[in-house]
Amino acid sequence: MEVLYNKLIRDRIPEITESDGWISETKVLNSKDFLLELKKKILEEAKELNEGKAKENLIEELADIQEIIDTILSEKKIKISEFKKAQAEKRKKRGGFKKRLFLIKTVKEEK
């Protein structure tokens, strides 16, 4: 039996699948393809986050998303302090999400 995945996986997945009797065929991605696949992976994890119901699932998917964010920062050589500073600046300029605001529409008055 053969199962095709063609997706980015965590480092220990081949080891784990081989312990279950599967043989994994993998390749190492270059930097450009790796970043592309990380972006695809974050969308996959966000979809799983959206579909999850249980608190445990929420924690797992958020952990996956954070792992991807950390990896992208590392790949692009962005310091966590630089990232946190940008996050704080954006929060100061545009706000956060604490007020739970949902925009229905805007109307511009004619002058």
PDB file of N, CA and C in Angstrom:
ATOM      1  N   MET A   1       0.851  -1.180   0.000  1.00  0.00           N
ATOM      2  CA  MET A   1       0.000   0.000   0.000  1.00  0.00           C
ATOM      3  C   MET A   1       0.895   1.241   0.000  1.00  0.00           C
ATOM      4  N   GLU A   2       0.503   2.264  -0.765  1.00  0.00           N
ATOM      5  CA  GLU A   2       1.272   3.502  -0.866  1.00  0.00           C
ATOM      6  C   GLU A   2       0.351   4.688  -0.598  1.00  0.00           C
ATOM      7  N   VAL A   3       0.832   5.634   0.178  1.00  0.00           N
ATOM      8  CA  VAL A   3       0.072   6.851   0.468  1.00  0.00           C
ATOM      9  C   VAL A   3       0.942   8.042   0.091  1.00  0.00           C
ATOM     10  N   LEU A   4       0.442   8.915  -0.791  1.00  0.00           N
ATOM     11  CA  LEU A   4       1.166  10.108  -1.203  1.00  0.00           C
ATOM     12  C   LEU A   4       0.757  11.287  -0.324  1.00  0.00           C
ATOM     13  N   TYR A   5       1.727  12.048   0.125  1.00  0.00           N
ATOM     14  CA  TYR A   5       1.454  13.213   0.964  1.00  0.00           C
ATOM     15  C   TYR A   5       1.910  14.512   0.304  1.00  0.00           C
ATOM     16  N   ASN A   6       3.136  14.542  -0.191  1.00  0.00           N
ATOM     17  CA  ASN A   6       3.685  15.744  -0.816  1.00  0.00           C
ATOM     18  C   ASN A   6       3.449  16.993   0.036  1.00  0.00           C
ATOM     19  N   LYS A   7       3.909  16.955   1.273  1.00  0.00           N
ATOM     20  CA  LYS A   7       3.758  18.101   2.164  1.00  0.00           C
ATOM     21  C   LYS A   7       4.896  18.144   3.162  1.00  0.00           C
ATOM     22  N   LEU A   8       5.096  19.304   3.732  1.00  0.00           N
ATOM     23  CA  LEU A   8       6.106  19.507   4.760  1.00  0.00           C
ATOM     24  C   LEU A   8       5.701  18.750   6.018  1.00  0.00           C
ATOM     25  N   ILE A   9       6.673  18.097   6.627  1.00  0.00           N
ATOM     26  CA  ILE A   9       6.404  17.322   7.848  1.00  0.00           C
ATOM     27  C   ILE A   9       7.408  17.703   8.935  1.00  0.00           C
ATOM     28  N   ARG A  10       7.050  17.367  10.154  1.00  0.00           N
ATOM     29  CA  ARG A  10       7.963  17.568  11.276  1.00  0.00           C
ATOM     30  C   ARG A  10       9.114  16.565  11.169  1.00  0.00           C
ATOM     31  N   ASP A  11      10.242  16.918  11.784  1.00  0.00           N
ATOM     32  CA  ASP A  11      11.487  16.171  11.646  1.00  0.00           C
ATOM     33  C   ASP A  11      11.408  14.694  12.037  1.00  0.00           C
ATOM     34  N   ARG A  12      10.617  14.360  13.017  1.00  0.00           N
ATOM     35  CA  ARG A  12      10.600  12.979  13.524  1.00  0.00           C
ATOM     36  C   ARG A  12       9.564  12.091  12.848  1.00  0.00           C
ATOM     37  N   ILE A  13       8.777  12.639  11.909  1.00  0.00           N
ATOM     38  CA  ILE A  13       7.717  11.844  11.274  1.00  0.00           C
ATOM     39  C   ILE A  13       8.262  10.587  10.578  1.00  0.00           C
ATOM     40  N   PRO A  14       9.350  10.662   9.798  1.00  0.00           N
ATOM     41  CA  PRO A  14       9.850   9.418   9.187  1.00  0.00           C
ATOM     42  C   PRO A  14      10.199   8.342  10.223  1.00  0.00           C
ATOM     43  N   GLU A  15      10.825   8.746  11.306  1.00  0.00           N
ATOM     44  CA  GLU A  15      11.167   7.822  12.391  1.00  0.00           C
ATOM     45  C   GLU A  15       9.908   7.192  12.989  1.00  0.00           C
ATOM     46  N   ILE A  16       8.892   8.007  13.197  1.00  0.00           N
ATOM     47  CA  ILE A  16       7.636   7.530  13.790  1.00  0.00           C
ATOM     48  C   ILE A  16       6.916   6.582  12.844  1.00  0.00           C
ATOM     49  N   THR A  17       6.824   6.954  11.557  1.00  0.00           N
ATOM     50  CA  THR A  17       6.123   6.090  10.598  1.00  0.00           C
ATOM     51  C   THR A  17       6.877   4.784  10.373  1.00  0.00           C
ATOM     52  N   GLU A  18       8.206   4.847  10.395  1.00  0.00           N
ATOM     53  CA  GLU A  18       8.996   3.626  10.212  1.00  0.00           C
ATOM     54  C   GLU A  18       8.815   2.662  11.379  1.00  0.00           C
ATOM     55  N   SER A  19       8.588   3.209  12.571  1.00  0.00           N
ATOM     56  CA  SER A  19       8.334   2.326  13.723  1.00  0.00           C
ATOM     57  C   SER A  19       6.984   1.624  13.590  1.00  0.00           C
ATOM     58  N   ASP A  20       6.115   2.168  12.714  1.00  0.00           N
ATOM     59  CA  ASP A  20       4.826   1.540  12.436  1.00  0.00           C
ATOM     60  C   ASP A  20       4.872   0.653  11.187  1.00  0.00           C
ATOM     61  N   GLY A  21       6.089   0.444  10.655  1.00  0.00           N
ATOM     62  CA  GLY A  21       6.240  -0.456   9.516  1.00  0.00           C
ATOM     63  C   GLY A  21       6.195   0.208   8.151  1.00  0.00           C
ATOM     64  N   TRP A  22       6.199   1.514   8.081  1.00  0.00           N
ATOM     65  CA  TRP A  22       6.167   2.233   6.807  1.00  0.00           C
ATOM     66  C   TRP A  22       7.585   2.663   6.429  1.00  0.00           C
ATOM     67  N   ILE A  23       7.847   2.760   5.149  1.00  0.00           N
ATOM     68  CA  ILE A  23       9.105   3.302   4.651  1.00  0.00           C
ATOM     69  C   ILE A  23       8.792   4.680   4.085  1.00  0.00           C
ATOM     70  N   SER A  24       9.490   5.696   4.562  1.00  0.00           N
ATOM     71  CA  SER A  24       9.237   7.069   4.127  1.00  0.00           C
ATOM     72  C   SER A  24      10.238   7.488   3.060  1.00  0.00           C
ATOM     73  N   GLU A  25       9.734   8.117   2.026  1.00  0.00           N
ATOM     74  CA  GLU A  25      10.590   8.737   1.018  1.00  0.00           C
ATOM     75  C   GLU A  25      10.502  10.240   1.231  1.00  0.00           C
ATOM     76  N   THR A  26      11.624  10.864   1.529  1.00  0.00           N
ATOM     77  CA  THR A  26      11.647  12.299   1.811  1.00  0.00           C
ATOM     78  C   THR A  26      12.732  12.973   0.977  1.00  0.00           C
ATOM     79  N   LYS A  27      12.718  14.283   0.992  1.00  0.00           N
ATOM     80  CA  LYS A  27      13.800  15.072   0.404  1.00  0.00           C
ATOM     81  C   LYS A  27      13.987  16.311   1.260  1.00  0.00           C
ATOM     82  N   VAL A  28      15.155  16.912   1.160  1.00  0.00           N
ATOM     83  CA  VAL A  28      15.453  18.143   1.881  1.00  0.00           C
ATOM     84  C   VAL A  28      15.193  19.305   0.927  1.00  0.00           C
ATOM     85  N   LEU A  29      14.394  20.256   1.374  1.00  0.00           N
ATOM     86  CA  LEU A  29      14.017  21.399   0.545  1.00  0.00           C
ATOM     87  C   LEU A  29      15.074  22.499   0.595  1.00  0.00           C
ATOM     88  N   ASN A  30      15.208  23.219  -0.518  1.00  0.00           N
ATOM     89  CA  ASN A  30      16.059  24.409  -0.498  1.00  0.00           C
ATOM     90  C   ASN A  30      15.308  25.520   0.242  1.00  0.00           C
ATOM     91  N   SER A  31      15.974  26.609   0.540  1.00  0.00           N
ATOM     92  CA  SER A  31      15.381  27.689   1.353  1.00  0.00           C
ATOM     93  C   SER A  31      14.105  28.249   0.750  1.00  0.00           C
ATOM     94  N   LYS A  32      14.118  28.483  -0.553  1.00  0.00           N
ATOM     95  CA  LYS A  32      12.945  29.059  -1.224  1.00  0.00           C
ATOM     96  C   LYS A  32      11.738  28.127  -1.118  1.00  0.00           C
ATOM     97  N   ASP A  33      11.938  26.854  -1.440  1.00  0.00           N
ATOM     98  CA  ASP A  33      10.836  25.891  -1.376  1.00  0.00           C
ATOM     99  C   ASP A  33      10.391  25.639   0.059  1.00  0.00           C
ATOM    100  N   PHE A  34      11.349  25.664   0.995  1.00  0.00           N
ATOM    101  CA  PHE A  34      11.018  25.470   2.402  1.00  0.00           C
ATOM    102  C   PHE A  34      10.083  26.567   2.893  1.00  0.00           C
ATOM    103  N   LEU A  35      10.389  27.820   2.581  1.00  0.00           N
ATOM    104  CA  LEU A  35       9.525  28.932   2.995  1.00  0.00           C
ATOM    105  C   LEU A  35       8.151  28.834   2.345  1.00  0.00           C
ATOM    106  N   LEU A  36       8.110  28.437   1.088  1.00  0.00           N
ATOM    107  CA  LEU A  36       6.830  28.245   0.398  1.00  0.00           C
ATOM    108  C   LEU A  36       6.000  27.170   1.105  1.00  0.00           C
ATOM    109  N   GLU A  37       6.637  26.067   1.449  1.00  0.00           N
ATOM    110  CA  GLU A  37       5.934  24.972   2.119  1.00  0.00           C
ATOM    111  C   GLU A  37       5.522  25.343   3.545  1.00  0.00           C
ATOM    112  N   LEU A  38       6.325  26.147   4.227  1.00  0.00           N
ATOM    113  CA  LEU A  38       5.933  26.626   5.559  1.00  0.00           C
ATOM    114  C   LEU A  38       4.663  27.462   5.477  1.00  0.00           C
ATOM    115  N   LYS A  39       4.572  28.293   4.444  1.00  0.00           N
ATOM    116  CA  LYS A  39       3.370  29.119   4.267  1.00  0.00           C
ATOM    117  C   LYS A  39       2.146  28.247   3.974  1.00  0.00           C
ATOM    118  N   LYS A  40       2.330  27.207   3.186  1.00  0.00           N
ATOM    119  CA  LYS A  40       1.233  26.264   2.926  1.00  0.00           C
ATOM    120  C   LYS A  40       0.836  25.549   4.217  1.00  0.00           C
ATOM    121  N   LYS A  41       1.849  25.179   4.991  1.00  0.00           N
ATOM    122  CA  LYS A  41       1.613  24.438   6.226  1.00  0.00           C
ATOM    123  C   LYS A  41       0.839  25.276   7.244  1.00  0.00           C
ATOM    124  N   ILE A  42       1.134  26.563   7.324  1.00  0.00           N
ATOM    125  CA  ILE A  42       0.414  27.407   8.289  1.00  0.00           C
ATOM    126  C   ILE A  42      -1.059  27.526   7.897  1.00  0.00           C
ATOM    127  N   LEU A  43      -1.344  27.518   6.596  1.00  0.00           N
ATOM    128  CA  LEU A  43      -2.740  27.522   6.150  1.00  0.00           C
ATOM    129  C   LEU A  43      -3.438  26.212   6.508  1.00  0.00           C
ATOM    130  N   GLU A  44      -2.719  25.113   6.336  1.00  0.00           N
ATOM    131  CA  GLU A  44      -3.259  23.796   6.706  1.00  0.00           C
ATOM    132  C   GLU A  44      -3.575  23.745   8.198  1.00  0.00           C
ATOM    133  N   GLU A  45      -2.647  24.224   9.008  1.00  0.00           N
ATOM    134  CA  GLU A  45      -2.850  24.214  10.458  1.00  0.00           C
ATOM    135  C   GLU A  45      -3.955  25.173  10.876  1.00  0.00           C
ATOM    136  N   ALA A  46      -4.068  26.323  10.210  1.00  0.00           N
ATOM    137  CA  ALA A  46      -5.151  27.265  10.513  1.00  0.00           C
ATOM    138  C   ALA A  46      -6.509  26.639  10.190  1.00  0.00           C
ATOM    139  N   LYS A  47      -6.574  25.890   9.106  1.00  0.00           N
ATOM    140  CA  LYS A  47      -7.828  25.194   8.749  1.00  0.00           C
ATOM    141  C   LYS A  47      -8.181  24.171   9.828  1.00  0.00           C
ATOM    142  N   GLU A  48      -7.180  23.418  10.278  1.00  0.00           N
ATOM    143  CA  GLU A  48      -7.408  22.435  11.338  1.00  0.00           C
ATOM    144  C   GLU A  48      -7.818  23.128  12.635  1.00  0.00           C
ATOM    145  N   LEU A  49      -7.243  24.277  12.919  1.00  0.00           N
ATOM    146  CA  LEU A  49      -7.617  25.058  14.099  1.00  0.00           C
ATOM    147  C   LEU A  49      -9.089  25.459  14.006  1.00  0.00           C
ATOM    148  N   ASN A  50      -9.484  25.904  12.835  1.00  0.00           N
ATOM    149  CA  ASN A  50     -10.866  26.334  12.615  1.00  0.00           C
ATOM    150  C   ASN A  50     -11.864  25.186  12.755  1.00  0.00           C
ATOM    151  N   GLU A  51     -11.441  23.990  12.404  1.00  0.00           N
ATOM    152  CA  GLU A  51     -12.334  22.827  12.447  1.00  0.00           C
ATOM    153  C   GLU A  51     -12.381  22.175  13.821  1.00  0.00           C
ATOM    154  N   GLY A  52     -11.392  22.457  14.667  1.00  0.00           N
ATOM    155  CA  GLY A  52     -11.294  21.806  15.973  1.00  0.00           C
ATOM    156  C   GLY A  52     -12.380  22.243  16.936  1.00  0.00           C
ATOM    157  N   LYS A  53     -12.741  21.337  17.795  1.00  0.00           N
ATOM    158  CA  LYS A  53     -13.794  21.621  18.770  1.00  0.00           C
ATOM    159  C   LYS A  53     -13.253  21.616  20.205  1.00  0.00           C
ATOM    160  N   ALA A  54     -12.489  20.619  20.543  1.00  0.00           N
ATOM    161  CA  ALA A  54     -12.030  20.442  21.925  1.00  0.00           C
ATOM    162  C   ALA A  54     -10.885  21.381  22.262  1.00  0.00           C
ATOM    163  N   LYS A  55     -10.763  21.715  23.537  1.00  0.00           N
ATOM    164  CA  LYS A  55      -9.686  22.589  24.015  1.00  0.00           C
ATOM    165  C   LYS A  55      -8.319  21.987  23.695  1.00  0.00           C
ATOM    166  N   GLU A  56      -8.191  20.672  23.842  1.00  0.00           N
ATOM    167  CA  GLU A  56      -6.925  20.003  23.561  1.00  0.00           C
ATOM    168  C   GLU A  56      -6.534  20.212  22.103  1.00  0.00           C
ATOM    169  N   ASN A  57      -7.514  20.131  21.210  1.00  0.00           N
ATOM    170  CA  ASN A  57      -7.265  20.333  19.788  1.00  0.00           C
ATOM    171  C   ASN A  57      -6.825  21.762  19.533  1.00  0.00           C
ATOM    172  N   LEU A  58      -7.458  22.714  20.191  1.00  0.00           N
ATOM    173  CA  LEU A  58      -7.100  24.123  20.054  1.00  0.00           C
ATOM    174  C   LEU A  58      -5.641  24.334  20.453  1.00  0.00           C
ATOM    175  N   ILE A  59      -5.245  23.766  21.560  1.00  0.00           N
ATOM    176  CA  ILE A  59      -3.872  23.902  22.035  1.00  0.00           C
ATOM    177  C   ILE A  59      -2.899  23.274  21.049  1.00  0.00           C
ATOM    178  N   GLU A  60      -3.212  22.091  20.549  1.00  0.00           N
ATOM    179  CA  GLU A  60      -2.345  21.393  19.595  1.00  0.00           C
ATOM    180  C   GLU A  60      -2.150  22.208  18.317  1.00  0.00           C
ATOM    181  N   GLU A  61      -3.237  22.725  17.765  1.00  0.00           N
ATOM    182  CA  GLU A  61      -3.140  23.469  16.505  1.00  0.00           C
ATOM    183  C   GLU A  61      -2.415  24.799  16.707  1.00  0.00           C
ATOM    184  N   LEU A  62      -2.665  25.475  17.815  1.00  0.00           N
ATOM    185  CA  LEU A  62      -1.935  26.712  18.103  1.00  0.00           C
ATOM    186  C   LEU A  62      -0.442  26.438  18.291  1.00  0.00           C
ATOM    187  N   ALA A  63      -0.113  25.310  18.911  1.00  0.00           N
ATOM    188  CA  ALA A  63       1.292  24.927  19.071  1.00  0.00           C
ATOM    189  C   ALA A  63       1.938  24.689  17.705  1.00  0.00           C
ATOM    190  N   ASP A  64       1.205  24.037  16.804  1.00  0.00           N
ATOM    191  CA  ASP A  64       1.712  23.811  15.448  1.00  0.00           C
ATOM    192  C   ASP A  64       1.948  25.135  14.731  1.00  0.00           C
ATOM    193  N   ILE A  65       0.997  26.043  14.838  1.00  0.00           N
ATOM    194  CA  ILE A  65       1.123  27.352  14.188  1.00  0.00           C
ATOM    195  C   ILE A  65       2.307  28.123  14.765  1.00  0.00           C
ATOM    196  N   GLN A  66       2.465  28.096  16.088  1.00  0.00           N
ATOM    197  CA  GLN A  66       3.593  28.794  16.716  1.00  0.00           C
ATOM    198  C   GLN A  66       4.921  28.193  16.270  1.00  0.00           C
ATOM    199  N   GLU A  67       4.972  26.876  16.128  1.00  0.00           N
ATOM    200  CA  GLU A  67       6.194  26.210  15.655  1.00  0.00           C
ATOM    201  C   GLU A  67       6.550  26.687  14.244  1.00  0.00           C
ATOM    202  N   ILE A  68       5.553  26.835  13.401  1.00  0.00           N
ATOM    203  CA  ILE A  68       5.783  27.316  12.038  1.00  0.00           C
ATOM    204  C   ILE A  68       6.265  28.767  12.064  1.00  0.00           C
ATOM    205  N   ILE A  69       5.629  29.598  12.876  1.00  0.00           N
ATOM    206  CA  ILE A  69       6.051  30.998  13.000  1.00  0.00           C
ATOM    207  C   ILE A  69       7.503  31.066  13.471  1.00  0.00           C
ATOM    208  N   ASP A  70       7.831  30.297  14.495  1.00  0.00           N
ATOM    209  CA  ASP A  70       9.205  30.285  15.016  1.00  0.00           C
ATOM    210  C   ASP A  70      10.198  29.856  13.940  1.00  0.00           C
ATOM    211  N   THR A  71       9.818  28.879  13.143  1.00  0.00           N
ATOM    212  CA  THR A  71      10.697  28.384  12.083  1.00  0.00           C
ATOM    213  C   THR A  71      10.888  29.424  10.993  1.00  0.00           C
ATOM    214  N   ILE A  72       9.821  30.105  10.599  1.00  0.00           N
ATOM    215  CA  ILE A  72       9.938  31.160   9.585  1.00  0.00           C
ATOM    216  C   ILE A  72      10.842  32.282  10.099  1.00  0.00           C
ATOM    217  N   LEU A  73      10.652  32.683  11.339  1.00  0.00           N
ATOM    218  CA  LEU A  73      11.507  33.720  11.928  1.00  0.00           C
ATOM    219  C   LEU A  73      12.975  33.292  11.886  1.00  0.00           C
ATOM    220  N   SER A  74      13.233  32.057  12.241  1.00  0.00           N
ATOM    221  CA  SER A  74      14.598  31.537  12.230  1.00  0.00           C
ATOM    222  C   SER A  74      15.168  31.503  10.813  1.00  0.00           C
ATOM    223  N   GLU A  75      14.391  31.022   9.867  1.00  0.00           N
ATOM    224  CA  GLU A  75      14.840  30.930   8.473  1.00  0.00           C
ATOM    225  C   GLU A  75      15.162  32.303   7.891  1.00  0.00           C
ATOM    226  N   LYS A  76      14.360  33.288   8.250  1.00  0.00           N
ATOM    227  CA  LYS A  76      14.554  34.645   7.733  1.00  0.00           C
ATOM    228  C   LYS A  76      15.485  35.466   8.627  1.00  0.00           C
ATOM    229  N   LYS A  77      16.040  34.800   9.639  1.00  0.00           N
ATOM    230  CA  LYS A  77      16.976  35.438  10.579  1.00  0.00           C
ATOM    231  C   LYS A  77      16.374  36.688  11.229  1.00  0.00           C
ATOM    232  N   ILE A  78      15.132  36.548  11.641  1.00  0.00           N
ATOM    233  CA  ILE A  78      14.427  37.614  12.346  1.00  0.00           C
ATOM    234  C   ILE A  78      14.451  37.275  13.834  1.00  0.00           C
ATOM    235  N   LYS A  79      14.967  38.180  14.628  1.00  0.00           N
ATOM    236  CA  LYS A  79      15.029  37.967  16.074  1.00  0.00           C
ATOM    237  C   LYS A  79      13.630  38.042  16.658  1.00  0.00           C
ATOM    238  N   ILE A  80      13.373  37.223  17.674  1.00  0.00           N
ATOM    239  CA  ILE A  80      12.066  37.227  18.334  1.00  0.00           C
ATOM    240  C   ILE A  80      11.766  38.601  18.906  1.00  0.00           C
ATOM    241  N   SER A  81      12.799  39.308  19.375  1.00  0.00           N
ATOM    242  CA  SER A  81      12.596  40.652  19.915  1.00  0.00           C
ATOM    243  C   SER A  81      12.127  41.611  18.819  1.00  0.00           C
ATOM    244  N   GLU A  82      12.656  41.449  17.619  1.00  0.00           N
ATOM    245  CA  GLU A  82      12.236  42.275  16.482  1.00  0.00           C
ATOM    246  C   GLU A  82      10.775  41.981  16.118  1.00  0.00           C
ATOM    247  N   PHE A  83      10.436  40.706  16.143  1.00  0.00           N
ATOM    248  CA  PHE A  83       9.066  40.278  15.855  1.00  0.00           C
ATOM    249  C   PHE A  83       8.090  40.820  16.908  1.00  0.00           C
ATOM    250  N   LYS A  84       8.453  40.670  18.172  1.00  0.00           N
ATOM    251  CA  LYS A  84       7.590  41.142  19.260  1.00  0.00           C
ATOM    252  C   LYS A  84       7.438  42.665  19.221  1.00  0.00           C
ATOM    253  N   LYS A  85       8.503  43.366  18.839  1.00  0.00           N
ATOM    254  CA  LYS A  85       8.443  44.821  18.715  1.00  0.00           C
ATOM    255  C   LYS A  85       7.449  45.209  17.616  1.00  0.00           C
ATOM    256  N   ALA A  86       7.516  44.533  16.472  1.00  0.00           N
ATOM    257  CA  ALA A  86       6.584  44.809  15.369  1.00  0.00           C
ATOM    258  C   ALA A  86       5.150  44.512  15.790  1.00  0.00           C
ATOM    259  N   GLN A  87       4.976  43.434  16.543  1.00  0.00           N
ATOM    260  CA  GLN A  87       3.651  43.065  17.039  1.00  0.00           C
ATOM    261  C   GLN A  87       3.117  44.149  17.974  1.00  0.00           C
ATOM    262  N   ALA A  88       3.953  44.631  18.876  1.00  0.00           N
ATOM    263  CA  ALA A  88       3.547  45.672  19.825  1.00  0.00           C
ATOM    264  C   ALA A  88       3.232  46.980  19.103  1.00  0.00           C
ATOM    265  N   GLU A  89       4.053  47.336  18.119  1.00  0.00           N
ATOM    266  CA  GLU A  89       3.814  48.561  17.348  1.00  0.00           C
ATOM    267  C   GLU A  89       2.488  48.486  16.592  1.00  0.00           C
ATOM    268  N   LYS A  90       2.215  47.334  16.010  1.00  0.00           N
ATOM    269  CA  LYS A  90       0.957  47.172  15.283  1.00  0.00           C
ATOM    270  C   LYS A  90      -0.230  47.249  16.247  1.00  0.00           C
ATOM    271  N   ARG A  91      -0.074  46.636  17.412  1.00  0.00           N
ATOM    272  CA  ARG A  91      -1.147  46.684  18.414  1.00  0.00           C
ATOM    273  C   ARG A  91      -1.392  48.118  18.856  1.00  0.00           C
ATOM    274  N   LYS A  92      -0.308  48.894  19.041  1.00  0.00           N
ATOM    275  CA  LYS A  92      -0.434  50.291  19.462  1.00  0.00           C
ATOM    276  C   LYS A  92      -1.111  51.120  18.366  1.00  0.00           C
ATOM    277  N   LYS A  93      -0.723  50.886  17.130  1.00  0.00           N
ATOM    278  CA  LYS A  93      -1.249  51.661  16.008  1.00  0.00           C
ATOM    279  C   LYS A  93      -2.677  51.256  15.615  1.00  0.00           C
ATOM    280  N   ARG A  94      -2.934  49.959  15.548  1.00  0.00           N
ATOM    281  CA  ARG A  94      -4.212  49.451  15.041  1.00  0.00           C
ATOM    282  C   ARG A  94      -5.092  48.805  16.098  1.00  0.00           C
ATOM    283  N   GLY A  95      -4.499  48.538  17.277  1.00  0.00           N
ATOM    284  CA  GLY A  95      -5.245  47.873  18.343  1.00  0.00           C
ATOM    285  C   GLY A  95      -5.054  46.372  18.282  1.00  0.00           C
ATOM    286  N   GLY A  96      -5.582  45.718  19.308  1.00  0.00           N
ATOM    287  CA  GLY A  96      -5.544  44.260  19.363  1.00  0.00           C
ATOM    288  C   GLY A  96      -6.920  43.719  19.025  1.00  0.00           C
ATOM    289  N   PHE A  97      -7.336  42.683  19.728  1.00  0.00           N
ATOM    290  CA  PHE A  97      -8.650  42.088  19.497  1.00  0.00           C
ATOM    291  C   PHE A  97      -9.428  41.920  20.792  1.00  0.00           C
ATOM    292  N   LYS A  98      -9.000  42.599  21.855  1.00  0.00           N
ATOM    293  CA  LYS A  98      -9.620  42.431  23.168  1.00  0.00           C
ATOM    294  C   LYS A  98     -11.076  42.892  23.212  1.00  0.00           C
ATOM    295  N   LYS A  99     -11.420  43.882  22.404  1.00  0.00           N
ATOM    296  CA  LYS A  99     -12.790  44.408  22.427  1.00  0.00           C
ATOM    297  C   LYS A  99     -13.777  43.537  21.661  1.00  0.00           C
ATOM    298  N   ARG A 100     -13.270  42.534  20.942  1.00  0.00           N
ATOM    299  CA  ARG A 100     -14.108  41.583  20.190  1.00  0.00           C
ATOM    300  C   ARG A 100     -14.962  42.266  19.127  1.00  0.00           C
ATOM    301  N   LEU A 101     -14.444  43.319  18.521  1.00  0.00           N
ATOM    302  CA  LEU A 101     -15.210  44.080  17.537  1.00  0.00           C
ATOM    303  C   LEU A 101     -15.377  43.312  16.232  1.00  0.00           C
ATOM    304  N   PHE A 102     -16.569  43.385  15.657  1.00  0.00           N
ATOM    305  CA  PHE A 102     -16.905  42.745  14.390  1.00  0.00           C
ATOM    306  C   PHE A 102     -17.460  43.829  13.478  1.00  0.00           C
ATOM    307  N   LEU A 103     -16.762  44.155  12.410  1.00  0.00           N
ATOM    308  CA  LEU A 103     -17.183  45.235  11.516  1.00  0.00           C
ATOM    309  C   LEU A 103     -18.257  44.739  10.566  1.00  0.00           C
ATOM    310  N   ILE A 104     -19.409  45.352  10.624  1.00  0.00           N
ATOM    311  CA  ILE A 104     -20.517  44.990   9.746  1.00  0.00           C
ATOM    312  C   ILE A 104     -20.411  45.759   8.435  1.00  0.00           C
ATOM    313  N   LYS A 105     -20.278  47.076   8.531  1.00  0.00           N
ATOM    314  CA  LYS A 105     -20.124  47.879   7.326  1.00  0.00           C
ATOM    315  C   LYS A 105     -19.640  49.263   7.706  1.00  0.00           C
ATOM    316  N   THR A 106     -19.245  50.018   6.709  1.00  0.00           N
ATOM    317  CA  THR A 106     -18.939  51.426   6.899  1.00  0.00           C
ATOM    318  C   THR A 106     -19.731  52.219   5.884  1.00  0.00           C
ATOM    319  N   VAL A 107     -20.052  53.443   6.230  1.00  0.00           N
ATOM    320  CA  VAL A 107     -20.781  54.345   5.335  1.00  0.00           C
ATOM    321  C   VAL A 107     -20.053  55.676   5.337  1.00  0.00           C
ATOM    322  N   LYS A 108     -19.816  56.218   4.147  1.00  0.00           N
ATOM    323  CA  LYS A 108     -19.177  57.512   4.053  1.00  0.00           C
ATOM    324  C   LYS A 108     -20.240  58.524   3.660  1.00  0.00           C
ATOM    325  N   GLU A 109     -20.363  59.531   4.498  1.00  0.00           N
ATOM    326  CA  GLU A 109     -21.362  60.564   4.232  1.00  0.00           C
ATOM    327  C   GLU A 109     -20.932  61.416   3.061  1.00  0.00           C
ATOM    328  N   GLU A 110     -21.890  61.737   2.199  1.00  0.00           N
ATOM    329  CA  GLU A 110     -21.653  62.627   1.073  1.00  0.00           C
ATOM    330  C   GLU A 110     -21.561  64.050   1.585  1.00  0.00           C
ATOM    331  N   LYS A 111     -20.659  64.853   1.023  1.00  0.00           N
ATOM    332  CA  LYS A 111     -20.534  66.254   1.442  1.00  0.00           C
ATOM    333  C   LYS A 111     -20.996  67.183   0.367  1.00  0.00           C
TER     334      LYS A 111
END
